[in-house]
Every structure is written in C-alpha cells, then in structure tokens.
Amino acid sequence: MSKSTAEIIWQRGDQKFLDHRYSRKHLLRFDGGLEIPASSSPDVVPLPYSDPTAVDPEEMLVAALSNCHMLWFLSLAAKHGFCVDSYIDQASGSMNKNEKGKLFLARARLNPIVTFSGEKNPTAEEFEMLHHQAHEECFIASSVLTEIICEPVLQLSV
C-alpha cells in the first residue's frame, strides 16, 4: 500500500497566542520537496490573521478531488485510445452545515473542459462514461461524503 506524507509547519514567533490574534499562515512541505504557503480561509478567520493569497484546506480538498478525477480520466481515455490534448478544470466547492450544525464541504463541482485530437474521438456517451468511470475509481472521491458533481465539456481539435 502506498503512503502519502505532508509536513505542516507553523511557528508562533513573537506573536501573542492566547488572545486568538495570531497568524494562521503556515507552510506545507511534501515528500518531493515542494513547499506551498497555506492559511485558513479568510471566510473562516478574518484578515489579517489569514492570508488570502495562500491555499486553504477547503481549496486543497477541492483541488485533490479534481486532480484525482483528472488523473483517472486521462488514464481511462488513453486505455480506450482517445488522445487528450488538454484538460482544464475550474473546480469549486461549497460549504454547508451538516445535521450537527458543523460546516463541511457539502459539494464539489468539477467543470473539466477536455480537448481531444486524433483519428479516434469519443462520442458524447463515451465521454460521459469516461467521467463516470473516473469518478468511480478516484481514491479521494471514495474517501469523502461530499457530493461531487461533474459537468464536463467535450472539445475536439480540428
């Protein structure tokens, strides 16, 4: 079984802490060495204690869902002999309260625009089937209770 790792680094420095007036800015470091600035969402923790230019946990979850779906889609398209030239997704997520009144990522909307080229292009039915299979195979989608809606757009290169 594969193992995923991430290091999350936050340091107080000379900030006060017990009054809740501390920065939520921190760093995410992944096993390949990539470092990403992170923070709480300004929708959850007001400025200046959050950083709107950094990635927040909700954005990372939406990105992980979209990313996993895309990787499975590309693999399945290649398996079926369809040449994908580009895959661009403007994914989004919406928060809601659950039955306990707690906020959660209730819905993720994937909006991939997929461009194909070559002699063999998918029909609309095959295109939908590829997205359905990608959703079924996605490890991240299988790990969450979030409703995931995929509204793909098929594009053929000329």
N, C-alpha and C. Protein backbone atom coordinates (compact mmCIF):
# COMPACT_ATOMS: atom_id res chain seq x y z
N MET A 1 0.85 -1.18 0.00
CA MET A 1 0.00 0.00 0.00
C MET A 1 0.90 1.24 0.00
N SER A 2 0.51 2.21 -0.78
CA SER A 2 1.31 3.44 -0.84
C SER A 2 1.03 4.31 0.39
N LYS A 3 2.00 5.16 0.67
CA LYS A 3 1.90 6.04 1.83
C LYS A 3 2.12 7.47 1.37
N SER A 4 1.23 8.36 1.77
CA SER A 4 1.38 9.77 1.43
C SER A 4 1.82 10.53 2.67
N THR A 5 2.72 11.48 2.46
CA THR A 5 3.20 12.28 3.60
C THR A 5 3.14 13.76 3.27
N ALA A 6 2.94 14.55 4.29
CA ALA A 6 2.98 16.00 4.19
C ALA A 6 3.43 16.53 5.54
N GLU A 7 4.25 17.56 5.48
CA GLU A 7 4.71 18.21 6.71
C GLU A 7 4.05 19.57 6.78
N ILE A 8 3.42 19.88 7.89
CA ILE A 8 2.75 21.16 8.10
C ILE A 8 3.55 21.92 9.15
N ILE A 9 3.99 23.14 8.79
CA ILE A 9 4.90 23.88 9.65
C ILE A 9 4.29 25.24 9.99
N TRP A 10 4.03 25.47 11.26
CA TRP A 10 3.55 26.76 11.77
C TRP A 10 4.38 27.10 12.99
N GLN A 11 4.80 28.35 13.11
CA GLN A 11 5.53 28.79 14.28
C GLN A 11 4.97 30.11 14.77
N ARG A 12 4.81 30.21 16.06
CA ARG A 12 4.24 31.41 16.67
C ARG A 12 5.16 32.61 16.56
N GLY A 13 6.45 32.39 16.72
CA GLY A 13 7.38 33.52 16.73
C GLY A 13 7.09 34.41 17.92
N ASP A 14 7.02 35.73 17.71
CA ASP A 14 6.78 36.65 18.83
C ASP A 14 5.31 37.11 18.91
N GLN A 15 4.43 36.41 18.19
CA GLN A 15 3.00 36.77 18.23
C GLN A 15 2.37 36.37 19.55
N LYS A 16 1.34 37.11 19.93
CA LYS A 16 0.52 36.65 21.04
C LYS A 16 -0.24 35.44 20.55
N PHE A 17 -0.76 34.63 21.46
CA PHE A 17 -1.46 33.42 21.04
C PHE A 17 -2.80 33.24 21.75
N LEU A 18 -2.79 33.41 23.06
CA LEU A 18 -3.98 33.10 23.85
C LEU A 18 -5.14 34.03 23.59
N ASP A 19 -4.89 35.18 22.97
CA ASP A 19 -5.99 36.10 22.63
C ASP A 19 -6.56 35.80 21.24
N HIS A 20 -6.08 34.72 20.59
CA HIS A 20 -6.53 34.28 19.26
C HIS A 20 -6.11 35.23 18.14
N ARG A 21 -5.23 36.17 18.44
CA ARG A 21 -4.77 37.13 17.43
C ARG A 21 -3.39 36.71 16.93
N TYR A 22 -3.37 35.58 16.27
CA TYR A 22 -2.12 35.06 15.72
C TYR A 22 -2.36 34.70 14.25
N SER A 23 -1.33 34.74 13.48
CA SER A 23 -1.42 34.43 12.07
C SER A 23 -1.65 32.93 11.86
N ARG A 24 -2.52 32.62 10.93
CA ARG A 24 -2.77 31.22 10.56
C ARG A 24 -1.89 30.81 9.38
N LYS A 25 -1.04 31.74 8.91
CA LYS A 25 -0.14 31.41 7.81
C LYS A 25 0.82 30.30 8.25
N HIS A 26 1.01 29.35 7.35
CA HIS A 26 1.93 28.25 7.62
C HIS A 26 2.46 27.70 6.30
N LEU A 27 3.22 26.66 6.36
CA LEU A 27 3.86 26.09 5.18
C LEU A 27 3.52 24.61 5.09
N LEU A 28 3.21 24.17 3.88
CA LEU A 28 3.01 22.75 3.62
C LEU A 28 4.24 22.27 2.85
N ARG A 29 4.84 21.19 3.29
CA ARG A 29 6.02 20.62 2.62
C ARG A 29 5.72 19.17 2.30
N PHE A 30 5.90 18.82 1.05
CA PHE A 30 5.59 17.47 0.61
C PHE A 30 6.85 16.66 0.39
N ASP A 31 6.69 15.33 0.32
CA ASP A 31 7.84 14.43 0.28
C ASP A 31 8.76 14.66 -0.91
N GLY A 32 8.28 15.26 -1.99
CA GLY A 32 9.14 15.57 -3.13
C GLY A 32 9.89 16.88 -2.97
N GLY A 33 9.64 17.61 -1.86
CA GLY A 33 10.33 18.86 -1.59
C GLY A 33 9.51 20.11 -1.90
N LEU A 34 8.36 19.97 -2.55
CA LEU A 34 7.54 21.12 -2.86
C LEU A 34 7.02 21.77 -1.58
N GLU A 35 7.09 23.10 -1.54
CA GLU A 35 6.56 23.86 -0.41
C GLU A 35 5.48 24.81 -0.90
N ILE A 36 4.35 24.84 -0.19
CA ILE A 36 3.22 25.67 -0.57
C ILE A 36 2.79 26.52 0.62
N PRO A 37 2.68 27.84 0.43
CA PRO A 37 2.15 28.68 1.51
C PRO A 37 0.68 28.35 1.74
N ALA A 38 0.30 28.23 2.99
CA ALA A 38 -1.07 27.85 3.34
C ALA A 38 -1.57 28.75 4.47
N SER A 39 -2.89 28.74 4.65
CA SER A 39 -3.52 29.55 5.68
C SER A 39 -4.94 29.05 5.87
N SER A 40 -5.59 29.58 6.87
CA SER A 40 -7.03 29.37 6.97
C SER A 40 -7.68 30.25 5.91
N SER A 41 -8.91 29.94 5.57
CA SER A 41 -9.65 30.78 4.62
C SER A 41 -10.03 32.09 5.29
N PRO A 42 -9.95 33.20 4.58
CA PRO A 42 -10.44 34.47 5.14
C PRO A 42 -11.94 34.44 5.42
N ASP A 43 -12.66 33.49 4.83
CA ASP A 43 -14.08 33.31 5.14
C ASP A 43 -14.29 32.72 6.53
N VAL A 44 -13.26 32.08 7.04
CA VAL A 44 -13.34 31.43 8.36
C VAL A 44 -12.63 32.25 9.43
N VAL A 45 -11.43 32.71 9.12
CA VAL A 45 -10.64 33.52 10.04
C VAL A 45 -10.37 34.86 9.35
N PRO A 46 -10.81 35.98 9.94
CA PRO A 46 -10.69 37.27 9.26
C PRO A 46 -9.25 37.72 9.09
N LEU A 47 -9.07 38.62 8.10
CA LEU A 47 -7.78 39.28 7.92
C LEU A 47 -7.49 40.11 9.15
N PRO A 48 -6.31 40.31 9.57
CA PRO A 48 -5.05 39.92 8.97
C PRO A 48 -4.54 38.57 9.48
N TYR A 49 -5.38 37.79 10.12
CA TYR A 49 -4.93 36.53 10.73
C TYR A 49 -4.93 35.36 9.75
N SER A 50 -5.48 35.58 8.56
CA SER A 50 -5.38 34.60 7.48
C SER A 50 -4.76 35.29 6.28
N ASP A 51 -4.36 34.51 5.31
CA ASP A 51 -3.69 35.04 4.13
C ASP A 51 -4.47 34.61 2.88
N PRO A 52 -5.15 35.55 2.23
CA PRO A 52 -5.97 35.20 1.07
C PRO A 52 -5.15 34.72 -0.13
N THR A 53 -3.84 34.99 -0.14
CA THR A 53 -3.00 34.55 -1.26
C THR A 53 -2.50 33.12 -1.08
N ALA A 54 -2.69 32.56 0.09
CA ALA A 54 -2.24 31.19 0.36
C ALA A 54 -3.40 30.21 0.15
N VAL A 55 -3.06 28.97 -0.03
CA VAL A 55 -4.07 27.93 -0.21
C VAL A 55 -4.68 27.59 1.15
N ASP A 56 -5.99 27.33 1.17
CA ASP A 56 -6.62 26.94 2.43
C ASP A 56 -7.09 25.48 2.33
N PRO A 57 -7.42 24.85 3.45
CA PRO A 57 -7.78 23.43 3.44
C PRO A 57 -8.95 23.09 2.51
N GLU A 58 -9.94 23.97 2.46
CA GLU A 58 -11.09 23.69 1.60
C GLU A 58 -10.69 23.70 0.13
N GLU A 59 -9.84 24.65 -0.25
CA GLU A 59 -9.33 24.70 -1.63
C GLU A 59 -8.51 23.45 -1.94
N MET A 60 -7.72 23.00 -0.97
CA MET A 60 -6.90 21.81 -1.20
C MET A 60 -7.77 20.57 -1.41
N LEU A 61 -8.88 20.47 -0.69
CA LEU A 61 -9.76 19.32 -0.85
C LEU A 61 -10.42 19.35 -2.22
N VAL A 62 -10.90 20.51 -2.65
CA VAL A 62 -11.49 20.64 -3.99
C VAL A 62 -10.44 20.30 -5.05
N ALA A 63 -9.23 20.82 -4.88
CA ALA A 63 -8.16 20.53 -5.83
C ALA A 63 -7.82 19.05 -5.85
N ALA A 64 -7.79 18.41 -4.68
CA ALA A 64 -7.49 16.98 -4.63
C ALA A 64 -8.56 16.16 -5.35
N LEU A 65 -9.83 16.52 -5.17
CA LEU A 65 -10.91 15.82 -5.86
C LEU A 65 -10.78 15.99 -7.37
N SER A 66 -10.54 17.21 -7.82
CA SER A 66 -10.40 17.48 -9.25
C SER A 66 -9.16 16.79 -9.82
N ASN A 67 -8.07 16.88 -9.10
CA ASN A 67 -6.81 16.30 -9.54
C ASN A 67 -6.92 14.78 -9.70
N CYS A 68 -7.50 14.12 -8.72
CA CYS A 68 -7.65 12.67 -8.76
C CYS A 68 -8.56 12.26 -9.92
N HIS A 69 -9.66 12.99 -10.09
CA HIS A 69 -10.59 12.71 -11.19
C HIS A 69 -9.86 12.84 -12.53
N MET A 70 -9.09 13.92 -12.70
CA MET A 70 -8.36 14.14 -13.95
C MET A 70 -7.38 13.00 -14.23
N LEU A 71 -6.62 12.60 -13.23
CA LEU A 71 -5.62 11.55 -13.45
C LEU A 71 -6.28 10.25 -13.88
N TRP A 72 -7.41 9.90 -13.27
CA TRP A 72 -8.13 8.70 -13.69
C TRP A 72 -8.72 8.88 -15.08
N PHE A 73 -9.26 10.06 -15.38
CA PHE A 73 -9.83 10.32 -16.70
C PHE A 73 -8.77 10.14 -17.78
N LEU A 74 -7.59 10.73 -17.58
CA LEU A 74 -6.51 10.61 -18.57
C LEU A 74 -6.11 9.15 -18.79
N SER A 75 -6.00 8.42 -17.70
CA SER A 75 -5.64 7.00 -17.81
C SER A 75 -6.69 6.22 -18.59
N LEU A 76 -7.95 6.46 -18.28
CA LEU A 76 -9.04 5.74 -18.96
C LEU A 76 -9.15 6.15 -20.43
N ALA A 77 -8.96 7.43 -20.72
CA ALA A 77 -9.01 7.89 -22.12
C ALA A 77 -7.91 7.21 -22.94
N ALA A 78 -6.70 7.16 -22.39
CA ALA A 78 -5.59 6.51 -23.09
C ALA A 78 -5.88 5.03 -23.31
N LYS A 79 -6.43 4.39 -22.28
CA LYS A 79 -6.77 2.96 -22.37
C LYS A 79 -7.77 2.69 -23.50
N HIS A 80 -8.68 3.65 -23.73
CA HIS A 80 -9.69 3.50 -24.78
C HIS A 80 -9.24 4.05 -26.13
N GLY A 81 -8.00 4.53 -26.20
CA GLY A 81 -7.46 5.00 -27.48
C GLY A 81 -7.84 6.42 -27.86
N PHE A 82 -8.24 7.24 -26.88
CA PHE A 82 -8.60 8.63 -27.15
C PHE A 82 -7.42 9.53 -26.74
N CYS A 83 -6.97 10.37 -27.66
CA CYS A 83 -5.83 11.25 -27.39
C CYS A 83 -6.32 12.57 -26.80
N VAL A 84 -5.97 12.82 -25.55
CA VAL A 84 -6.34 14.06 -24.87
C VAL A 84 -5.23 15.08 -25.08
N ASP A 85 -5.62 16.25 -25.59
CA ASP A 85 -4.65 17.34 -25.79
C ASP A 85 -4.60 18.26 -24.59
N SER A 86 -5.74 18.51 -23.96
CA SER A 86 -5.76 19.36 -22.77
C SER A 86 -6.94 19.01 -21.89
N TYR A 87 -6.77 19.29 -20.63
CA TYR A 87 -7.80 19.05 -19.62
C TYR A 87 -7.69 20.21 -18.65
N ILE A 88 -8.69 21.07 -18.64
CA ILE A 88 -8.68 22.25 -17.77
C ILE A 88 -9.95 22.23 -16.94
N ASP A 89 -9.81 22.29 -15.63
CA ASP A 89 -10.97 22.24 -14.75
C ASP A 89 -10.98 23.45 -13.83
N GLN A 90 -12.08 24.17 -13.85
CA GLN A 90 -12.31 25.28 -12.91
C GLN A 90 -13.20 24.71 -11.80
N ALA A 91 -12.63 23.91 -10.93
CA ALA A 91 -13.38 23.23 -9.87
C ALA A 91 -13.75 24.22 -8.76
N SER A 92 -14.86 23.93 -8.11
CA SER A 92 -15.29 24.79 -6.99
C SER A 92 -15.92 23.93 -5.91
N GLY A 93 -16.03 24.49 -4.74
CA GLY A 93 -16.65 23.78 -3.63
C GLY A 93 -17.56 24.70 -2.85
N SER A 94 -18.55 24.13 -2.22
CA SER A 94 -19.43 24.95 -1.38
C SER A 94 -19.59 24.29 -0.01
N MET A 95 -19.53 25.14 0.99
CA MET A 95 -19.66 24.70 2.37
C MET A 95 -21.12 24.78 2.79
N ASN A 96 -21.50 23.90 3.69
CA ASN A 96 -22.84 23.89 4.25
C ASN A 96 -22.76 23.32 5.65
N LYS A 97 -23.84 23.40 6.40
CA LYS A 97 -23.87 22.79 7.73
C LYS A 97 -24.48 21.40 7.64
N ASN A 98 -23.88 20.47 8.39
CA ASN A 98 -24.42 19.11 8.43
C ASN A 98 -25.52 19.02 9.50
N GLU A 99 -26.01 17.82 9.75
CA GLU A 99 -27.11 17.64 10.72
C GLU A 99 -26.71 18.02 12.14
N LYS A 100 -25.40 18.10 12.41
CA LYS A 100 -24.92 18.52 13.73
C LYS A 100 -24.62 20.02 13.78
N GLY A 101 -24.91 20.72 12.67
CA GLY A 101 -24.66 22.15 12.63
C GLY A 101 -23.22 22.53 12.33
N LYS A 102 -22.40 21.56 11.94
CA LYS A 102 -20.98 21.80 11.64
C LYS A 102 -20.79 22.06 10.15
N LEU A 103 -19.93 23.03 9.82
CA LEU A 103 -19.62 23.29 8.43
C LEU A 103 -18.82 22.14 7.84
N PHE A 104 -19.13 21.81 6.59
CA PHE A 104 -18.36 20.80 5.87
C PHE A 104 -18.42 21.13 4.38
N LEU A 105 -17.51 20.55 3.62
CA LEU A 105 -17.54 20.74 2.18
C LEU A 105 -18.67 19.86 1.65
N ALA A 106 -19.81 20.49 1.42
CA ALA A 106 -21.02 19.75 1.05
C ALA A 106 -21.02 19.34 -0.41
N ARG A 107 -20.43 20.18 -1.26
CA ARG A 107 -20.50 19.90 -2.69
C ARG A 107 -19.22 20.37 -3.36
N ALA A 108 -18.73 19.54 -4.25
CA ALA A 108 -17.62 19.92 -5.12
C ALA A 108 -18.13 19.82 -6.55
N ARG A 109 -17.88 20.86 -7.31
CA ARG A 109 -18.33 20.88 -8.71
C ARG A 109 -17.09 20.89 -9.60
N LEU A 110 -16.98 19.86 -10.42
CA LEU A 110 -15.89 19.76 -11.39
C LEU A 110 -16.44 20.20 -12.74
N ASN A 111 -15.71 21.04 -13.42
CA ASN A 111 -16.13 21.58 -14.71
C ASN A 111 -15.03 21.40 -15.75
N PRO A 112 -14.60 20.15 -15.98
CA PRO A 112 -13.48 19.96 -16.89
C PRO A 112 -13.86 20.25 -18.35
N ILE A 113 -12.96 20.96 -19.01
CA ILE A 113 -13.05 21.16 -20.46
C ILE A 113 -11.93 20.31 -21.04
N VAL A 114 -12.33 19.31 -21.81
CA VAL A 114 -11.37 18.32 -22.32
C VAL A 114 -11.31 18.43 -23.84
N THR A 115 -10.10 18.59 -24.36
CA THR A 115 -9.89 18.67 -25.79
C THR A 115 -9.18 17.41 -26.27
N PHE A 116 -9.75 16.82 -27.31
CA PHE A 116 -9.20 15.60 -27.91
C PHE A 116 -8.74 15.90 -29.33
N SER A 117 -7.84 15.06 -29.83
CA SER A 117 -7.45 15.12 -31.24
C SER A 117 -7.15 13.70 -31.70
N GLY A 118 -6.87 13.57 -32.95
CA GLY A 118 -6.53 12.26 -33.48
C GLY A 118 -7.67 11.65 -34.28
N GLU A 119 -7.42 10.46 -34.73
CA GLU A 119 -8.39 9.77 -35.58
C GLU A 119 -9.59 9.24 -34.82
N LYS A 120 -9.40 8.94 -33.55
CA LYS A 120 -10.49 8.35 -32.76
C LYS A 120 -10.88 9.33 -31.65
N ASN A 121 -12.09 9.83 -31.71
CA ASN A 121 -12.60 10.74 -30.69
C ASN A 121 -13.80 10.10 -30.01
N PRO A 122 -14.00 10.39 -28.73
CA PRO A 122 -15.13 9.77 -28.03
C PRO A 122 -16.46 10.38 -28.47
N THR A 123 -17.49 9.56 -28.46
CA THR A 123 -18.84 10.06 -28.63
C THR A 123 -19.24 10.74 -27.33
N ALA A 124 -20.35 11.45 -27.34
CA ALA A 124 -20.84 12.08 -26.11
C ALA A 124 -21.08 11.03 -25.03
N GLU A 125 -21.61 9.87 -25.42
CA GLU A 125 -21.87 8.79 -24.45
C GLU A 125 -20.57 8.23 -23.89
N GLU A 126 -19.57 8.04 -24.75
CA GLU A 126 -18.27 7.53 -24.28
C GLU A 126 -17.60 8.55 -23.37
N PHE A 127 -17.73 9.82 -23.70
CA PHE A 127 -17.16 10.90 -22.89
C PHE A 127 -17.77 10.89 -21.48
N GLU A 128 -19.09 10.79 -21.40
CA GLU A 128 -19.78 10.71 -20.11
C GLU A 128 -19.34 9.46 -19.34
N MET A 129 -19.22 8.34 -20.05
CA MET A 129 -18.81 7.08 -19.42
C MET A 129 -17.41 7.20 -18.83
N LEU A 130 -16.49 7.86 -19.56
CA LEU A 130 -15.13 8.05 -19.05
C LEU A 130 -15.14 8.85 -17.75
N HIS A 131 -15.96 9.90 -17.71
CA HIS A 131 -16.05 10.71 -16.49
C HIS A 131 -16.70 9.91 -15.35
N HIS A 132 -17.70 9.13 -15.68
CA HIS A 132 -18.34 8.31 -14.65
C HIS A 132 -17.34 7.30 -14.09
N GLN A 133 -16.59 6.63 -14.96
CA GLN A 133 -15.59 5.66 -14.51
C GLN A 133 -14.49 6.35 -13.69
N ALA A 134 -14.06 7.53 -14.13
CA ALA A 134 -13.03 8.27 -13.39
C ALA A 134 -13.51 8.57 -11.98
N HIS A 135 -14.77 8.98 -11.86
CA HIS A 135 -15.34 9.26 -10.53
C HIS A 135 -15.36 8.00 -9.68
N GLU A 136 -15.76 6.89 -10.26
CA GLU A 136 -15.83 5.63 -9.52
C GLU A 136 -14.46 5.15 -9.05
N GLU A 137 -13.42 5.43 -9.83
CA GLU A 137 -12.07 4.97 -9.49
C GLU A 137 -11.30 5.92 -8.57
N CYS A 138 -11.71 7.17 -8.50
CA CYS A 138 -10.97 8.19 -7.76
C CYS A 138 -10.89 7.87 -6.27
N PHE A 139 -9.68 7.74 -5.76
CA PHE A 139 -9.45 7.42 -4.35
C PHE A 139 -10.00 8.51 -3.43
N ILE A 140 -9.82 9.77 -3.84
CA ILE A 140 -10.24 10.88 -2.99
C ILE A 140 -11.76 10.94 -2.92
N ALA A 141 -12.42 10.79 -4.07
CA ALA A 141 -13.89 10.79 -4.09
C ALA A 141 -14.44 9.68 -3.22
N SER A 142 -13.75 8.54 -3.21
CA SER A 142 -14.19 7.41 -2.38
C SER A 142 -13.95 7.65 -0.90
N SER A 143 -13.17 8.68 -0.57
CA SER A 143 -12.79 8.95 0.82
C SER A 143 -13.65 10.00 1.50
N VAL A 144 -14.53 10.66 0.75
CA VAL A 144 -15.30 11.76 1.32
C VAL A 144 -16.80 11.56 1.17
N LEU A 145 -17.57 12.27 1.99
CA LEU A 145 -19.03 12.24 1.90
C LEU A 145 -19.56 13.36 1.02
N THR A 146 -18.68 14.22 0.55
CA THR A 146 -19.06 15.37 -0.26
C THR A 146 -19.75 14.93 -1.55
N GLU A 147 -20.83 15.61 -1.90
CA GLU A 147 -21.47 15.37 -3.19
C GLU A 147 -20.56 15.95 -4.27
N ILE A 148 -20.23 15.14 -5.26
CA ILE A 148 -19.33 15.58 -6.32
C ILE A 148 -20.12 15.60 -7.63
N ILE A 149 -20.22 16.77 -8.23
CA ILE A 149 -20.94 16.94 -9.48
C ILE A 149 -19.91 17.22 -10.57
N CYS A 150 -19.98 16.46 -11.65
CA CYS A 150 -19.05 16.66 -12.75
C CYS A 150 -19.85 17.11 -13.97
N GLU A 151 -19.51 18.29 -14.49
CA GLU A 151 -20.17 18.85 -15.66
C GLU A 151 -19.12 19.11 -16.73
N PRO A 152 -18.69 18.04 -17.43
CA PRO A 152 -17.61 18.17 -18.39
C PRO A 152 -18.05 18.78 -19.73
N VAL A 153 -17.07 19.36 -20.42
CA VAL A 153 -17.28 19.91 -21.75
C VAL A 153 -16.31 19.21 -22.69
N LEU A 154 -16.84 18.60 -23.75
CA LEU A 154 -16.05 17.89 -24.75
C LEU A 154 -15.64 18.86 -25.84
N GLN A 155 -14.35 18.87 -26.18
CA GLN A 155 -13.86 19.67 -27.28
C GLN A 155 -13.01 18.78 -28.18
N LEU A 156 -13.19 18.93 -29.47
CA LEU A 156 -12.40 18.18 -30.44
C LEU A 156 -11.50 19.16 -31.18
N SER A 157 -10.23 18.81 -31.32
CA SER A 157 -9.31 19.65 -32.10
C SER A 157 -9.57 19.42 -33.58
N VAL A 158 -9.35 20.46 -34.35
CA VAL A 158 -9.51 20.31 -35.80
C VAL A 158 -8.20 20.28 -36.48
